């Protein structure tokens, strides 16, 4: 029996991964203890997503497990042993602001939880493919030193810069920057994943995502930019822009495109690799541009206020260069542009939001 274990299975990426791997595995074990509701409140709960997966997928089994629980995790891995062919680690505390409120919980979830999973994999299924959802915040605020040019609706990288055409690649330094405590905990986990690949010879990959998004996202003010923005537009709720005149730019990657990247890694495992991962030049927008698109899709003028205080460690401009990943994994590229992503979020979410 081929088993794929997914942490954070009720989340945006976890849910998309469960659907993708349900076609390839005999059993998908989905671990999710709905800690997102603890982080961001009941509107961010993932219970609805876990219940939907249980209804949709015959080979999906949900487990209410905390990734920090060494005893339970070890027993679960021992139960399935070498049948576990892949570990897709998407569970996380994902917010800059929340991390500063409770650094112990943030670090224990992001760093210690990753270590618990790596050790269980090493001892019980060392041949399994271990895929970790890292973040571009491992680079801290180094991107903010890039030469940016202010346009009417966005900031843009100076066209003469070497990263202007394709985005930021993996040669950017992790040092000498303000990461936020969240960025530090994820960087620790990212390095652990790489080291278990290099030191122990395991099949481990860290994907340094930009904004990951899609209709399965339980968006909140502190995390889930596009999903939260579209929900505010659909329900006529107020939305606050934090800093940079609303011109800050992010690339955005649909969770289904990320799940396709996971499948590519599963088919061609690699050891100790790290990749920048996002929508790249194909799918990116500024905050101002995203608001305009949400207003166009919903037909509602949004209630937008502006706070000049940017979040600590937040990026002014980020577009991922995904060419290294594409070169290693069969020419992978995203299929969903920004307009498609927002339309998907609105089409799937509007009835659920109104019923909540």
Protein backbone atom coordinates (compact mmCIF):
# COMPACT_ATOMS: atom_id res chain seq x y z
CA UNK A 1 0.00 0.00 0.00
CA UNK A 2 1.32 3.45 -0.97
CA UNK A 3 0.62 6.06 1.70
CA UNK A 4 1.05 9.83 1.37
CA UNK A 5 1.01 11.81 4.61
CA UNK A 6 -0.02 15.48 4.45
CA UNK A 7 0.25 17.88 7.37
CA UNK A 8 -2.07 20.86 7.50
CA UNK A 9 -4.41 18.86 5.26
CA UNK A 10 -7.35 21.20 5.80
CA UNK A 11 -5.40 24.25 4.71
CA UNK A 12 -5.13 25.75 1.28
CA UNK A 13 -2.10 23.78 0.10
CA UNK A 14 -2.86 20.69 2.15
CA UNK A 15 -6.31 20.34 0.63
CA UNK A 16 -5.05 20.77 -2.92
CA UNK A 17 -2.30 18.23 -2.20
CA UNK A 18 -4.79 15.71 -0.82
CA UNK A 19 -6.85 15.90 -4.01
CA UNK A 20 -3.77 15.59 -6.22
CA UNK A 21 -2.23 12.67 -4.37
CA UNK A 22 -5.53 10.82 -3.94
CA UNK A 23 -5.10 9.86 -7.59
CA UNK A 24 -1.63 8.42 -6.94
CA UNK A 25 -1.76 6.83 -3.48
CA UNK A 26 -3.82 4.08 -1.91
CA UNK A 27 -4.22 6.12 1.27
CA UNK A 28 -3.89 9.84 1.96
CA UNK A 29 -3.38 10.52 5.66
CA UNK A 30 -4.40 14.09 6.41
CA UNK A 31 -3.13 15.58 9.66
CA UNK A 32 -4.90 18.76 10.82
CA UNK A 33 -5.80 19.94 14.32
CA UNK A 34 -7.43 23.22 13.16
CA UNK A 35 -4.80 25.33 14.88
CA UNK A 36 -5.42 27.98 12.23
CA UNK A 37 -8.63 28.87 14.10
CA UNK A 38 -6.53 29.40 17.23
CA UNK A 39 -4.16 31.66 15.30
CA UNK A 40 -6.72 33.77 13.43
CA UNK A 41 -10.17 33.13 14.87
CA UNK A 42 -13.19 31.03 13.84
CA UNK A 43 -13.46 32.54 10.35
CA UNK A 44 -10.08 30.96 9.56
CA UNK A 45 -11.06 27.46 10.73
CA UNK A 46 -10.12 24.59 8.41
CA UNK A 47 -12.74 22.16 9.74
CA UNK A 48 -14.99 22.74 6.75
CA UNK A 49 -12.16 21.82 4.41
CA UNK A 50 -11.29 18.59 6.25
CA UNK A 51 -14.97 17.58 6.23
CA UNK A 52 -15.19 18.27 2.50
CA UNK A 53 -12.12 16.14 1.82
CA UNK A 54 -13.63 13.30 3.82
CA UNK A 55 -16.79 13.55 1.73
CA UNK A 56 -15.03 13.88 -1.63
CA UNK A 57 -12.13 11.41 -1.34
CA UNK A 58 -12.71 7.75 -0.58
CA UNK A 59 -9.07 7.14 0.29
CA UNK A 60 -8.63 10.17 2.58
CA UNK A 61 -8.27 9.59 6.31
CA UNK A 62 -8.25 12.58 8.67
CA UNK A 63 -6.22 12.57 11.89
CA UNK A 64 -6.49 15.30 14.54
CA UNK A 65 -2.76 15.46 15.28
CA UNK A 66 -0.35 18.23 16.31
CA UNK A 67 2.94 18.04 14.41
CA UNK A 68 4.80 18.86 17.64
CA UNK A 69 3.46 15.73 19.36
CA UNK A 70 6.54 13.51 19.07
CA UNK A 71 4.90 10.43 20.59
CA UNK A 72 1.80 10.48 18.39
CA UNK A 73 3.72 11.33 15.23
CA UNK A 74 6.24 8.55 15.85
CA UNK A 75 3.45 6.02 16.47
CA UNK A 76 1.67 7.08 13.27
CA UNK A 77 4.83 6.69 11.20
CA UNK A 78 5.62 3.37 12.88
CA UNK A 79 2.12 2.14 12.04
CA UNK A 80 2.64 2.66 8.30
CA UNK A 81 6.43 2.38 8.06
CA UNK A 82 7.94 2.08 4.59
CA UNK A 83 4.46 2.26 3.04
CA UNK A 84 4.75 6.03 3.48
CA UNK A 85 6.07 7.15 0.11
CA UNK A 86 5.77 10.90 0.60
CA UNK A 87 5.44 13.43 3.42
CA UNK A 88 3.95 16.75 2.30
CA UNK A 89 4.56 19.21 5.14
CA UNK A 90 2.27 22.23 4.80
CA UNK A 91 1.28 22.79 8.45
CA UNK A 92 2.58 26.09 9.84
CA UNK A 93 2.04 29.23 11.84
CA UNK A 94 2.15 31.57 8.82
CA UNK A 95 1.91 35.15 10.13
CA UNK A 96 4.60 37.78 10.89
CA UNK A 97 2.38 39.57 13.40
CA UNK A 98 1.17 36.46 15.20
CA UNK A 99 4.73 35.18 15.60
CA UNK A 100 5.71 38.33 17.50
CA UNK A 101 2.82 37.81 19.91
CA UNK A 102 3.86 34.26 20.81
CA UNK A 103 7.39 33.40 19.64
CA UNK A 104 7.47 30.10 21.53
CA UNK A 105 4.42 28.71 19.76
CA UNK A 106 5.53 30.05 16.39
CA UNK A 107 8.97 28.45 16.64
CA UNK A 108 7.70 25.18 18.08
CA UNK A 109 5.16 24.75 15.29
CA UNK A 110 7.35 25.84 12.39
CA UNK A 111 10.81 24.61 13.43
CA UNK A 112 10.30 21.92 16.06
CA UNK A 113 7.32 20.44 14.24
CA UNK A 114 9.40 20.09 11.10
CA UNK A 115 12.18 18.39 13.07
CA UNK A 116 9.68 15.92 14.57
CA UNK A 117 8.48 14.97 11.08
CA UNK A 118 11.97 14.69 9.62
CA UNK A 119 13.09 12.39 12.42
CA UNK A 120 10.00 10.20 12.07
CA UNK A 121 10.63 9.99 8.33
CA UNK A 122 14.31 9.15 8.84
CA UNK A 123 13.56 6.33 11.28
CA UNK A 124 10.46 4.78 9.69
CA UNK A 125 10.41 5.58 5.95
CA UNK A 126 13.82 6.99 4.96
CA UNK A 127 13.19 6.44 1.24
CA UNK A 128 10.09 8.65 1.27
CA UNK A 129 10.01 12.01 -0.51
CA UNK A 130 9.81 14.85 2.02
CA UNK A 131 8.43 18.13 0.63
CA UNK A 132 8.38 21.22 2.82
CA UNK A 133 6.40 24.41 2.23
CA UNK A 134 8.99 27.03 3.09
CA UNK A 135 8.62 30.74 2.36
CA UNK A 136 10.38 33.61 0.64
CA UNK A 137 10.50 35.25 4.09
CA UNK A 138 13.64 33.20 4.72
CA UNK A 139 15.36 36.03 2.81
CA UNK A 140 14.10 38.58 5.34
CA UNK A 141 13.71 42.13 4.13
CA UNK A 142 16.72 41.93 1.79
CA UNK A 143 14.40 42.38 -1.23
CA UNK A 144 13.55 45.85 0.08
CA UNK A 145 17.08 47.00 -0.78
CA UNK A 146 16.47 46.32 -4.47
CA UNK A 147 16.28 49.38 -6.77
CA UNK A 148 12.55 49.88 -7.17
CA UNK A 149 10.75 52.33 -9.44
CA UNK A 150 7.32 53.70 -8.53
CA UNK A 151 4.70 53.28 -11.25
CA UNK A 152 1.07 54.40 -11.24
CA UNK A 153 -0.30 51.20 -9.70
CA UNK A 154 2.77 49.30 -8.53
CA UNK A 155 6.40 49.25 -7.61
CA UNK A 156 8.63 47.66 -10.21
CA UNK A 157 12.24 46.53 -10.23
CA UNK A 158 14.62 48.74 -12.18
CA UNK A 159 14.70 47.25 -15.69
CA UNK A 160 18.51 47.20 -15.68
CA UNK A 161 18.67 44.85 -12.68
CA UNK A 162 19.61 41.22 -13.31
CA UNK A 163 16.39 39.99 -11.64
CA UNK A 164 14.05 42.33 -13.52
CA UNK A 165 13.11 39.95 -16.34
CA UNK A 166 12.53 36.69 -14.44
CA UNK A 167 12.32 37.61 -10.75
CA UNK A 168 14.45 36.81 -7.70
CA UNK A 169 16.48 33.60 -7.75
CA UNK A 170 17.96 31.42 -4.99
CA UNK A 171 21.29 33.30 -4.88
CA UNK A 172 19.76 36.04 -2.71
CA UNK A 173 21.42 36.02 0.73
CA UNK A 174 19.59 34.96 3.89
CA UNK A 175 21.96 37.04 6.03
CA UNK A 176 22.06 40.65 7.31
CA UNK A 177 18.32 41.28 7.18
CA UNK A 178 15.24 41.57 9.38
CA UNK A 179 13.26 38.40 8.89
CA UNK A 180 10.44 38.72 11.43
CA UNK A 181 10.27 35.90 13.97
CA UNK A 182 8.09 33.97 11.53
CA UNK A 183 10.80 34.24 8.89
CA UNK A 184 13.37 32.95 11.39
CA UNK A 185 11.31 29.92 12.41
CA UNK A 186 10.67 29.03 8.77
CA UNK A 187 14.34 29.56 7.87
CA UNK A 188 15.32 27.14 10.65
CA UNK A 189 12.92 24.56 9.25
CA UNK A 190 14.09 25.21 5.68
CA UNK A 191 17.72 24.56 6.67
CA UNK A 192 16.75 21.42 8.59
CA UNK A 193 15.00 20.05 5.51
CA UNK A 194 18.05 20.72 3.35
CA UNK A 195 20.42 19.27 5.94
CA UNK A 196 18.48 16.02 6.33
CA UNK A 197 18.84 15.62 2.59
CA UNK A 198 22.55 16.36 2.52
CA UNK A 199 23.63 14.75 5.81
CA UNK A 200 21.39 11.69 5.84
CA UNK A 201 20.91 11.29 2.09
CA UNK A 202 17.13 11.67 2.27
CA UNK A 203 14.88 12.92 -0.54
CA UNK A 204 14.08 16.38 0.81
CA UNK A 205 12.97 19.55 -0.97
CA UNK A 206 12.09 22.99 0.42
CA UNK A 207 9.89 25.24 -1.71
CA UNK A 208 10.20 28.92 -0.82
CA UNK A 209 6.74 30.12 -1.71
CA UNK A 210 5.59 33.67 -2.25
CA UNK A 211 1.84 34.20 -1.88
CA UNK A 212 0.07 30.85 -2.16
CA UNK A 213 -3.62 31.18 -2.80
CA UNK A 214 -6.80 29.70 -4.23
CA UNK A 215 -10.44 28.97 -3.41
CA UNK A 216 -9.54 26.59 -0.56
CA UNK A 217 -7.92 29.34 1.50
CA UNK A 218 -9.45 30.30 4.85
CA UNK A 219 -8.11 33.83 4.50
CA UNK A 220 -7.68 36.18 7.46
CA UNK A 221 -6.34 39.71 7.90
CA UNK A 222 -2.97 38.41 9.07
CA UNK A 223 -2.61 35.72 6.42
CA UNK A 224 -4.18 34.87 3.09
CA UNK A 225 -3.93 38.11 1.12
CA UNK A 226 -6.05 37.42 -1.98
CA UNK A 227 -8.65 35.20 -0.30
CA UNK A 228 -9.20 37.69 2.52
CA UNK A 229 -9.30 40.58 0.07
CA UNK A 230 -11.91 38.88 -2.12
CA UNK A 231 -14.01 37.95 0.91
CA UNK A 232 -14.00 41.59 2.03
CA UNK A 233 -15.03 42.67 -1.48
CA UNK A 234 -17.82 40.09 -1.72
CA UNK A 235 -19.27 40.82 1.74
CA UNK A 236 -18.67 44.59 1.69
CA UNK A 237 -16.29 44.38 4.65
CA UNK A 238 -13.59 46.97 5.40
CA UNK A 239 -10.05 46.25 4.25
CA UNK A 240 -6.80 47.89 5.45
CA UNK A 241 -3.68 48.34 3.35
CA UNK A 242 -0.49 48.32 5.43
CA UNK A 243 2.28 50.52 4.06
CA UNK A 244 4.04 51.22 0.76
CA UNK A 245 1.07 53.23 -0.62
CA UNK A 246 -0.59 49.97 -1.67
CA UNK A 247 1.98 49.62 -4.46
CA UNK A 248 3.70 46.53 -2.99
CA UNK A 249 3.91 43.64 -5.46
CA UNK A 250 3.55 39.90 -4.90
CA UNK A 251 3.53 36.98 -7.24
CA UNK A 252 0.68 34.60 -6.47
CA UNK A 253 0.53 30.85 -7.05
CA UNK A 254 -2.69 28.84 -7.22
CA UNK A 255 -2.63 25.88 -4.83
CA UNK A 256 -3.42 23.49 -7.69
CA UNK A 257 -0.29 24.66 -9.52
CA UNK A 258 1.74 24.07 -6.36
CA UNK A 259 0.24 20.59 -5.96
CA UNK A 260 1.34 19.87 -9.54
CA UNK A 261 4.86 20.89 -8.49
CA UNK A 262 4.64 18.45 -5.57
CA UNK A 263 3.69 15.63 -7.94
CA UNK A 264 6.68 16.50 -10.14
CA UNK A 265 8.99 16.18 -7.11
CA UNK A 266 7.33 12.91 -6.12
CA UNK A 267 8.03 11.51 -9.58
CA UNK A 268 11.66 12.71 -9.64
CA UNK A 269 12.92 12.98 -6.04
CA UNK A 270 15.95 15.11 -5.24
CA UNK A 271 18.06 15.48 -2.11
CA UNK A 272 18.60 18.64 -0.08
CA UNK A 273 17.28 21.11 -2.64
CA UNK A 274 15.66 24.52 -2.11
CA UNK A 275 13.70 26.39 -4.77
CA UNK A 276 11.94 29.73 -5.06
CA UNK A 277 8.33 28.99 -5.90
CA UNK A 278 5.55 31.30 -7.04
CA UNK A 279 3.55 32.69 -9.89
CA UNK A 280 6.59 34.54 -11.22
CA UNK A 281 6.17 37.01 -14.03
CA UNK A 282 3.11 35.05 -15.18
CA UNK A 283 0.96 35.75 -12.10
CA UNK A 284 1.69 38.81 -9.98
CA UNK A 285 -0.05 42.00 -8.89
CA UNK A 286 0.22 44.95 -6.54
CA UNK A 287 -2.21 45.54 -3.69
CA UNK A 288 -3.80 48.39 -5.67
CA UNK A 289 -4.19 46.21 -8.77
CA UNK A 290 -5.70 43.36 -6.73
CA UNK A 291 -8.29 45.70 -5.21
CA UNK A 292 -9.24 46.96 -8.65
CA UNK A 293 -9.67 43.39 -9.93
CA UNK A 294 -11.77 42.36 -6.91
CA UNK A 295 -14.03 45.36 -7.44
CA UNK A 296 -14.42 44.44 -11.10
CA UNK A 297 -15.27 40.80 -10.37
CA UNK A 298 -17.74 41.48 -7.53
CA UNK A 299 -19.18 44.73 -8.85
CA UNK A 300 -18.64 46.28 -5.39
CA UNK A 301 -16.63 49.36 -4.51
CA UNK A 302 -14.46 48.28 -1.59
CA UNK A 303 -14.18 49.99 1.81
CA UNK A 304 -10.42 50.52 1.85
CA UNK A 305 -8.42 52.35 4.51
CA UNK A 306 -4.69 52.93 4.60
CA UNK A 307 -2.22 52.44 7.47
CA UNK A 308 1.21 53.87 6.71
CA UNK A 309 2.90 51.36 9.03
CA UNK A 310 4.22 48.44 7.00
CA UNK A 311 4.52 45.06 8.67
CA UNK A 312 8.00 44.25 10.00
CA UNK A 313 9.93 42.14 7.50
CA UNK A 314 7.28 42.61 4.81
CA UNK A 315 8.42 42.86 1.21
CA UNK A 316 7.88 45.85 -1.05
CA UNK A 317 8.35 43.74 -4.17
CA UNK A 318 8.64 40.02 -4.70
CA UNK A 319 8.46 38.02 -7.89
CA UNK A 320 9.94 34.51 -7.85
CA UNK A 321 12.30 33.20 -10.48
CA UNK A 322 11.13 29.59 -10.85
CA UNK A 323 13.48 28.62 -13.67
CA UNK A 324 15.66 26.41 -11.46
CA UNK A 325 12.63 24.37 -10.43
CA UNK A 326 11.33 24.25 -13.99
CA UNK A 327 14.72 23.05 -15.27
CA UNK A 328 14.87 20.28 -12.65
CA UNK A 329 11.27 19.12 -13.00
CA UNK A 330 10.24 18.77 -16.59
CA UNK A 331 9.42 22.33 -17.49
CA UNK A 332 6.79 22.87 -14.77
CA UNK A 333 5.01 26.22 -14.98
CA UNK A 334 1.84 27.68 -13.42
CA UNK A 335 -1.45 27.56 -15.30
CA UNK A 336 -3.46 30.14 -13.32
CA UNK A 337 -2.95 33.88 -13.81
CA UNK A 338 -4.17 36.49 -11.31
CA UNK A 339 -7.56 37.02 -12.95
CA UNK A 340 -8.26 33.27 -13.00
CA UNK A 341 -7.18 32.91 -9.37
CA UNK A 342 -9.48 35.70 -8.18
CA UNK A 343 -12.41 34.41 -10.21
CA UNK A 344 -11.90 30.92 -8.71
CA UNK A 345 -11.81 32.32 -5.19
CA UNK A 346 -14.98 34.32 -5.74
CA UNK A 347 -16.92 31.55 -7.48
CA UNK A 348 -16.15 28.97 -4.79
CA UNK A 349 -16.23 31.21 -1.74
CA UNK A 350 -19.14 33.61 -2.04
CA UNK A 351 -21.88 31.21 -0.93
CA UNK A 352 -19.76 29.73 1.87
CA UNK A 353 -18.86 33.21 3.17
CA UNK A 354 -22.49 34.34 3.21
CA UNK A 355 -23.61 31.15 4.96
CA UNK A 356 -20.92 31.39 7.68
